[in-house]
Amino acid sequence: MKKFAEAKDEAKWFKDKRKNMQRLGGGRGGLSLEAFANAKTKSSTYNPAIIKKQREFYKNAKYVNKYKRIVKQQGEPSESARQQEDEKEIEKADKVDNNSKKGQKNNARSLKELYERKQEEEGKARTEREAIISAKNEERQKAESRRKALREKMFKKTRSGQPVMKYRIEHILETLQGSKS
């Protein structure tokens, strides 16, 4: 019985050896040239910078493809059509410039009036913006003072260290009344 088990183990050993030889290049004693080249080209080092660049590249490619698909679906004009539109606008602007050269004397007055009007509009817009900002600041300060007062009430304690329930119950009542109406 022992001889049969030993023969079986020996056969398994030869089979494993043959597999290893084939894997390492056909039994010629070492790696084949092709296997060696493949082993050398695979980078075994971990480089997070390269991985990050590849990820960013594929992400950008995905966005570009998505944009192109959306443009195609919407049927927007191509870039050549946009360039033609831009050229037409430039030609119109040139014609307007040629017409304005005829009235050079009146042009100085109108430019001054136009400048003054523009300055007035900008001044009005600035004052409106400042008024809006100051109103927001006042509103923010009022809300902050309300929250501060409420917080002080909520954190009040009795002599024994228990929270004062009067303010807490009032707050709950106010929120219920507010949600009811």
C-alpha atoms as a PDB file:
ATOM      1  CA  MET A   1       0.000   0.000   0.000  1.00  0.00           C
ATOM      2  CA  LYS A   2       2.847   2.371   0.776  1.00  0.00           C
ATOM      3  CA  LYS A   3       4.380   1.842  -2.610  1.00  0.00           C
ATOM      4  CA  PHE A   4       1.139   2.858  -4.332  1.00  0.00           C
ATOM      5  CA  ALA A   5       0.937   6.122  -2.278  1.00  0.00           C
ATOM      6  CA  GLU A   6       4.598   6.911  -2.967  1.00  0.00           C
ATOM      7  CA  ALA A   7       4.107   6.362  -6.690  1.00  0.00           C
ATOM      8  CA  LYS A   8       1.067   8.624  -6.648  1.00  0.00           C
ATOM      9  CA  ASP A   9       3.041  11.416  -4.873  1.00  0.00           C
ATOM     10  CA  GLU A  10       5.927  11.016  -7.321  1.00  0.00           C
ATOM     11  CA  ALA A  11       3.559  11.268 -10.308  1.00  0.00           C
ATOM     12  CA  LYS A  12       2.048  14.425  -8.836  1.00  0.00           C
ATOM     13  CA  TRP A  13       5.523  15.873  -8.352  1.00  0.00           C
ATOM     14  CA  PHE A  14       6.463  15.230 -11.997  1.00  0.00           C
ATOM     15  CA  LYS A  15       3.164  16.720 -13.163  1.00  0.00           C
ATOM     16  CA  ASP A  16       3.758  19.908 -11.106  1.00  0.00           C
ATOM     17  CA  LYS A  17       7.328  20.119 -12.371  1.00  0.00           C
ATOM     18  CA  ARG A  18       6.147  19.861 -15.979  1.00  0.00           C
ATOM     19  CA  LYS A  19       3.570  22.664 -15.393  1.00  0.00           C
ATOM     20  CA  ASN A  20       6.256  24.915 -13.911  1.00  0.00           C
ATOM     21  CA  MET A  21       8.591  24.273 -16.821  1.00  0.00           C
ATOM     22  CA  GLN A  22       5.887  25.142 -19.338  1.00  0.00           C
ATOM     23  CA  ARG A  23       5.025  28.282 -17.409  1.00  0.00           C
ATOM     24  CA  LEU A  24       8.669  29.358 -17.336  1.00  0.00           C
ATOM     25  CA  GLY A  25       9.241  28.973 -21.058  1.00  0.00           C
ATOM     26  CA  GLY A  26       8.822  25.501 -22.390  1.00  0.00           C
ATOM     27  CA  GLY A  27      11.412  23.575 -20.390  1.00  0.00           C
ATOM     28  CA  ARG A  28      14.476  25.170 -21.958  1.00  0.00           C
ATOM     29  CA  GLY A  29      15.753  26.261 -18.594  1.00  0.00           C
ATOM     30  CA  GLY A  30      14.463  29.793 -17.933  1.00  0.00           C
ATOM     31  CA  LEU A  31      12.003  32.341 -19.199  1.00  0.00           C
ATOM     32  CA  SER A  32      11.214  32.709 -22.858  1.00  0.00           C
ATOM     33  CA  LEU A  33      12.085  36.023 -24.446  1.00  0.00           C
ATOM     34  CA  GLU A  34       8.415  36.912 -24.780  1.00  0.00           C
ATOM     35  CA  ALA A  35       7.646  36.081 -21.136  1.00  0.00           C
ATOM     36  CA  PHE A  36      10.693  38.096 -20.023  1.00  0.00           C
ATOM     37  CA  ALA A  37       9.611  41.159 -22.067  1.00  0.00           C
ATOM     38  CA  ASN A  38       6.072  40.980 -20.691  1.00  0.00           C
ATOM     39  CA  ALA A  39       7.360  40.693 -17.155  1.00  0.00           C
ATOM     40  CA  LYS A  40       9.593  43.753 -17.613  1.00  0.00           C
ATOM     41  CA  THR A  41       6.910  45.974 -19.152  1.00  0.00           C
ATOM     42  CA  LYS A  42       4.482  45.551 -16.280  1.00  0.00           C
ATOM     43  CA  SER A  43       5.229  48.184 -13.667  1.00  0.00           C
ATOM     44  CA  SER A  44       5.177  46.647 -10.221  1.00  0.00           C
ATOM     45  CA  THR A  45       5.658  49.985  -8.460  1.00  0.00           C
ATOM     46  CA  TYR A  46       2.680  51.863  -7.083  1.00  0.00           C
ATOM     47  CA  ASN A  47       2.622  55.458  -8.338  1.00  0.00           C
ATOM     48  CA  PRO A  48      -0.439  57.440  -7.183  1.00  0.00           C
ATOM     49  CA  ALA A  49       0.431  60.430  -9.394  1.00  0.00           C
ATOM     50  CA  ILE A  50       0.118  58.348 -12.567  1.00  0.00           C
ATOM     51  CA  ILE A  51      -3.118  56.800 -11.351  1.00  0.00           C
ATOM     52  CA  LYS A  52      -4.525  60.260 -10.594  1.00  0.00           C
ATOM     53  CA  LYS A  53      -3.553  61.565 -14.048  1.00  0.00           C
ATOM     54  CA  GLN A  54      -5.177  58.590 -15.752  1.00  0.00           C
ATOM     55  CA  ARG A  55      -8.347  59.011 -13.701  1.00  0.00           C
ATOM     56  CA  GLU A  56      -8.507  62.733 -14.534  1.00  0.00           C
ATOM     57  CA  PHE A  57      -7.894  62.018 -18.232  1.00  0.00           C
ATOM     58  CA  TYR A  58     -10.743  59.514 -18.424  1.00  0.00           C
ATOM     59  CA  LYS A  59     -13.028  61.794 -16.410  1.00  0.00           C
ATOM     60  CA  ASN A  60     -12.384  64.715 -18.795  1.00  0.00           C
ATOM     61  CA  ALA A  61     -12.917  62.469 -21.820  1.00  0.00           C
ATOM     62  CA  LYS A  62     -16.237  61.382 -20.361  1.00  0.00           C
ATOM     63  CA  TYR A  63     -17.331  65.010 -19.877  1.00  0.00           C
ATOM     64  CA  VAL A  64     -16.309  65.949 -23.429  1.00  0.00           C
ATOM     65  CA  ASN A  65     -18.253  63.026 -24.898  1.00  0.00           C
ATOM     66  CA  LYS A  66     -21.275  63.901 -22.790  1.00  0.00           C
ATOM     67  CA  TYR A  67     -21.120  67.543 -23.947  1.00  0.00           C
ATOM     68  CA  LYS A  68     -20.847  66.520 -27.598  1.00  0.00           C
ATOM     69  CA  ARG A  69     -23.818  64.182 -27.236  1.00  0.00           C
ATOM     70  CA  ILE A  70     -25.944  66.934 -25.647  1.00  0.00           C
ATOM     71  CA  VAL A  71     -24.982  69.457 -28.347  1.00  0.00           C
ATOM     72  CA  LYS A  72     -25.865  66.930 -31.016  1.00  0.00           C
ATOM     73  CA  GLN A  73     -29.251  66.249 -29.392  1.00  0.00           C
ATOM     74  CA  GLN A  74     -30.110  69.931 -29.085  1.00  0.00           C
ATOM     75  CA  GLY A  75     -29.018  70.639 -32.636  1.00  0.00           C
ATOM     76  CA  GLU A  76     -26.992  73.743 -31.787  1.00  0.00           C
ATOM     77  CA  PRO A  77     -25.127  75.387 -34.669  1.00  0.00           C
ATOM     78  CA  SER A  78     -21.620  74.210 -35.350  1.00  0.00           C
ATOM     79  CA  GLU A  79     -18.526  76.360 -34.791  1.00  0.00           C
ATOM     80  CA  SER A  80     -18.354  77.388 -38.453  1.00  0.00           C
ATOM     81  CA  ALA A  81     -21.893  78.796 -38.200  1.00  0.00           C
ATOM     82  CA  ARG A  82     -20.893  80.708 -35.049  1.00  0.00           C
ATOM     83  CA  GLN A  83     -17.877  82.172 -36.838  1.00  0.00           C
ATOM     84  CA  GLN A  84     -20.103  83.383 -39.686  1.00  0.00           C
ATOM     85  CA  GLU A  85     -22.426  85.055 -37.176  1.00  0.00           C
ATOM     86  CA  ASP A  86     -19.452  86.776 -35.519  1.00  0.00           C
ATOM     87  CA  GLU A  87     -18.204  88.037 -38.902  1.00  0.00           C
ATOM     88  CA  LYS A  88     -21.658  89.492 -39.662  1.00  0.00           C
ATOM     89  CA  GLU A  89     -21.701  91.295 -36.316  1.00  0.00           C
ATOM     90  CA  ILE A  90     -18.241  92.757 -37.001  1.00  0.00           C
ATOM     91  CA  GLU A  91     -19.392  94.016 -40.410  1.00  0.00           C
ATOM     92  CA  LYS A  92     -22.445  95.688 -38.822  1.00  0.00           C
ATOM     93  CA  ALA A  93     -20.215  97.383 -36.226  1.00  0.00           C
ATOM     94  CA  ASP A  94     -17.930  98.686 -39.009  1.00  0.00           C
ATOM     95  CA  LYS A  95     -20.927 100.201 -40.853  1.00  0.00           C
ATOM     96  CA  VAL A  96     -22.083 101.935 -37.666  1.00  0.00           C
ATOM     97  CA  ASP A  97     -18.563 103.340 -37.125  1.00  0.00           C
ATOM     98  CA  ASN A  98     -18.506 104.749 -40.661  1.00  0.00           C
ATOM     99  CA  ASN A  99     -21.859 106.495 -40.130  1.00  0.00           C
ATOM    100  CA  SER A 100     -20.737 108.041 -36.828  1.00  0.00           C
ATOM    101  CA  LYS A 101     -17.682 109.737 -38.402  1.00  0.00           C
ATOM    102  CA  LYS A 102     -19.957 112.105 -40.329  1.00  0.00           C
ATOM    103  CA  GLY A 103     -21.204 113.873 -37.218  1.00  0.00           C
ATOM    104  CA  GLN A 104     -17.932 114.469 -35.374  1.00  0.00           C
ATOM    105  CA  LYS A 105     -18.891 117.875 -33.937  1.00  0.00           C
ATOM    106  CA  ASN A 106     -22.072 116.677 -32.233  1.00  0.00           C
ATOM    107  CA  ASN A 107     -20.333 113.515 -31.148  1.00  0.00           C
ATOM    108  CA  ALA A 108     -18.291 115.187 -28.358  1.00  0.00           C
ATOM    109  CA  ARG A 109     -21.396 116.596 -26.667  1.00  0.00           C
ATOM    110  CA  SER A 110     -23.336 113.364 -26.964  1.00  0.00           C
ATOM    111  CA  LEU A 111     -20.382 111.412 -25.560  1.00  0.00           C
ATOM    112  CA  LYS A 112     -20.192 113.714 -22.562  1.00  0.00           C
ATOM    113  CA  GLU A 113     -23.950 113.401 -21.981  1.00  0.00           C
ATOM    114  CA  LEU A 114     -23.742 109.655 -22.385  1.00  0.00           C
ATOM    115  CA  TYR A 115     -20.869 109.498 -19.883  1.00  0.00           C
ATOM    116  CA  GLU A 116     -22.772 111.599 -17.329  1.00  0.00           C
ATOM    117  CA  ARG A 117     -25.927 109.499 -17.764  1.00  0.00           C
ATOM    118  CA  LYS A 118     -23.949 106.314 -17.303  1.00  0.00           C
ATOM    119  CA  GLN A 119     -22.291 107.685 -14.155  1.00  0.00           C
ATOM    120  CA  GLU A 120     -25.708 108.605 -12.717  1.00  0.00           C
ATOM    121  CA  GLU A 121     -27.065 105.127 -13.413  1.00  0.00           C
ATOM    122  CA  GLU A 122     -24.032 103.512 -11.810  1.00  0.00           C
ATOM    123  CA  GLY A 123     -24.402 105.794  -8.769  1.00  0.00           C
ATOM    124  CA  LYS A 124     -28.078 104.848  -8.404  1.00  0.00           C
ATOM    125  CA  ALA A 125     -27.281 101.178  -8.730  1.00  0.00           C
ATOM    126  CA  ARG A 126     -24.511 101.513  -6.136  1.00  0.00           C
ATOM    127  CA  THR A 127     -26.804 103.259  -3.614  1.00  0.00           C
ATOM    128  CA  GLU A 128     -29.490 100.588  -4.167  1.00  0.00           C
ATOM    129  CA  ARG A 129     -26.960  97.827  -3.557  1.00  0.00           C
ATOM    130  CA  GLU A 130     -25.695  99.552  -0.408  1.00  0.00           C
ATOM    131  CA  ALA A 131     -29.268  99.952   0.866  1.00  0.00           C
ATOM    132  CA  ILE A 132     -29.986  96.257   0.262  1.00  0.00           C
ATOM    133  CA  ILE A 133     -26.758  95.239   2.003  1.00  0.00           C
ATOM    134  CA  SER A 134     -27.434  97.478   5.021  1.00  0.00           C
ATOM    135  CA  ALA A 135     -31.003  96.114   5.292  1.00  0.00           C
ATOM    136  CA  LYS A 136     -29.682  92.556   5.229  1.00  0.00           C
ATOM    137  CA  ASN A 137     -27.089  93.406   7.887  1.00  0.00           C
ATOM    138  CA  GLU A 138     -29.739  94.955  10.158  1.00  0.00           C
ATOM    139  CA  GLU A 139     -31.992  91.929   9.678  1.00  0.00           C
ATOM    140  CA  ARG A 140     -29.098  89.592  10.461  1.00  0.00           C
ATOM    141  CA  GLN A 141     -28.241  91.553  13.637  1.00  0.00           C
ATOM    142  CA  LYS A 142     -31.871  91.461  14.830  1.00  0.00           C
ATOM    143  CA  ALA A 143     -32.089  87.717  14.231  1.00  0.00           C
ATOM    144  CA  GLU A 144     -28.794  87.202  16.024  1.00  0.00           C
ATOM    145  CA  SER A 145     -29.940  89.213  19.056  1.00  0.00           C
ATOM    146  CA  ARG A 146     -33.223  87.243  19.151  1.00  0.00           C
ATOM    147  CA  ARG A 147     -31.322  83.953  19.065  1.00  0.00           C
ATOM    148  CA  LYS A 148     -28.935  85.169  21.749  1.00  0.00           C
ATOM    149  CA  ALA A 149     -31.807  86.178  24.048  1.00  0.00           C
ATOM    150  CA  LEU A 150     -33.573  82.850  23.464  1.00  0.00           C
ATOM    151  CA  ARG A 151     -30.355  80.969  24.149  1.00  0.00           C
ATOM    152  CA  GLU A 152     -29.829  82.837  27.420  1.00  0.00           C
ATOM    153  CA  LYS A 153     -33.370  81.965  28.499  1.00  0.00           C
ATOM    154  CA  MET A 154     -32.978  78.327  27.524  1.00  0.00           C
ATOM    155  CA  PHE A 155     -29.724  77.956  29.475  1.00  0.00           C
ATOM    156  CA  LYS A 156     -31.028  79.577  32.682  1.00  0.00           C
ATOM    157  CA  LYS A 157     -30.799  77.273  35.684  1.00  0.00           C
ATOM    158  CA  THR A 158     -32.373  77.181  39.111  1.00  0.00           C
ATOM    159  CA  ARG A 159     -30.317  77.317  42.331  1.00  0.00           C
ATOM    160  CA  SER A 160     -30.107  73.529  42.380  1.00  0.00           C
ATOM    161  CA  GLY A 161     -28.843  73.396  38.775  1.00  0.00           C
ATOM    162  CA  GLN A 162     -32.039  72.302  37.064  1.00  0.00           C
ATOM    163  CA  PRO A 163     -33.137  74.093  33.860  1.00  0.00           C
ATOM    164  CA  VAL A 164     -35.892  76.705  34.234  1.00  0.00           C
ATOM    165  CA  MET A 165     -38.881  75.076  32.516  1.00  0.00           C
ATOM    166  CA  LYS A 166     -40.907  78.285  32.155  1.00  0.00           C
ATOM    167  CA  TYR A 167     -38.914  79.514  29.142  1.00  0.00           C
ATOM    168  CA  ARG A 168     -38.719  76.070  27.558  1.00  0.00           C
ATOM    169  CA  ILE A 169     -42.486  75.587  27.758  1.00  0.00           C
ATOM    170  CA  GLU A 170     -43.062  79.109  26.360  1.00  0.00           C
ATOM    171  CA  HIS A 171     -40.790  78.293  23.424  1.00  0.00           C
ATOM    172  CA  ILE A 172     -42.649  75.044  22.700  1.00  0.00           C
ATOM    173  CA  LEU A 173     -45.985  76.879  22.920  1.00  0.00           C
ATOM    174  CA  GLU A 174     -44.784  79.597  20.513  1.00  0.00           C
ATOM    175  CA  THR A 175     -43.605  77.027  17.970  1.00  0.00           C
ATOM    176  CA  LEU A 176     -46.919  75.164  18.196  1.00  0.00           C
ATOM    177  CA  GLN A 177     -48.898  78.367  17.728  1.00  0.00           C
ATOM    178  CA  GLY A 178     -46.681  79.367  14.838  1.00  0.00           C
ATOM    179  CA  SER A 179     -47.182  76.042  13.066  1.00  0.00           C
ATOM    180  CA  LYS A 180     -50.942  76.117  13.750  1.00  0.00           C
ATOM    181  CA  SER A 181     -51.545  79.494  12.056  1.00  0.00           C
END
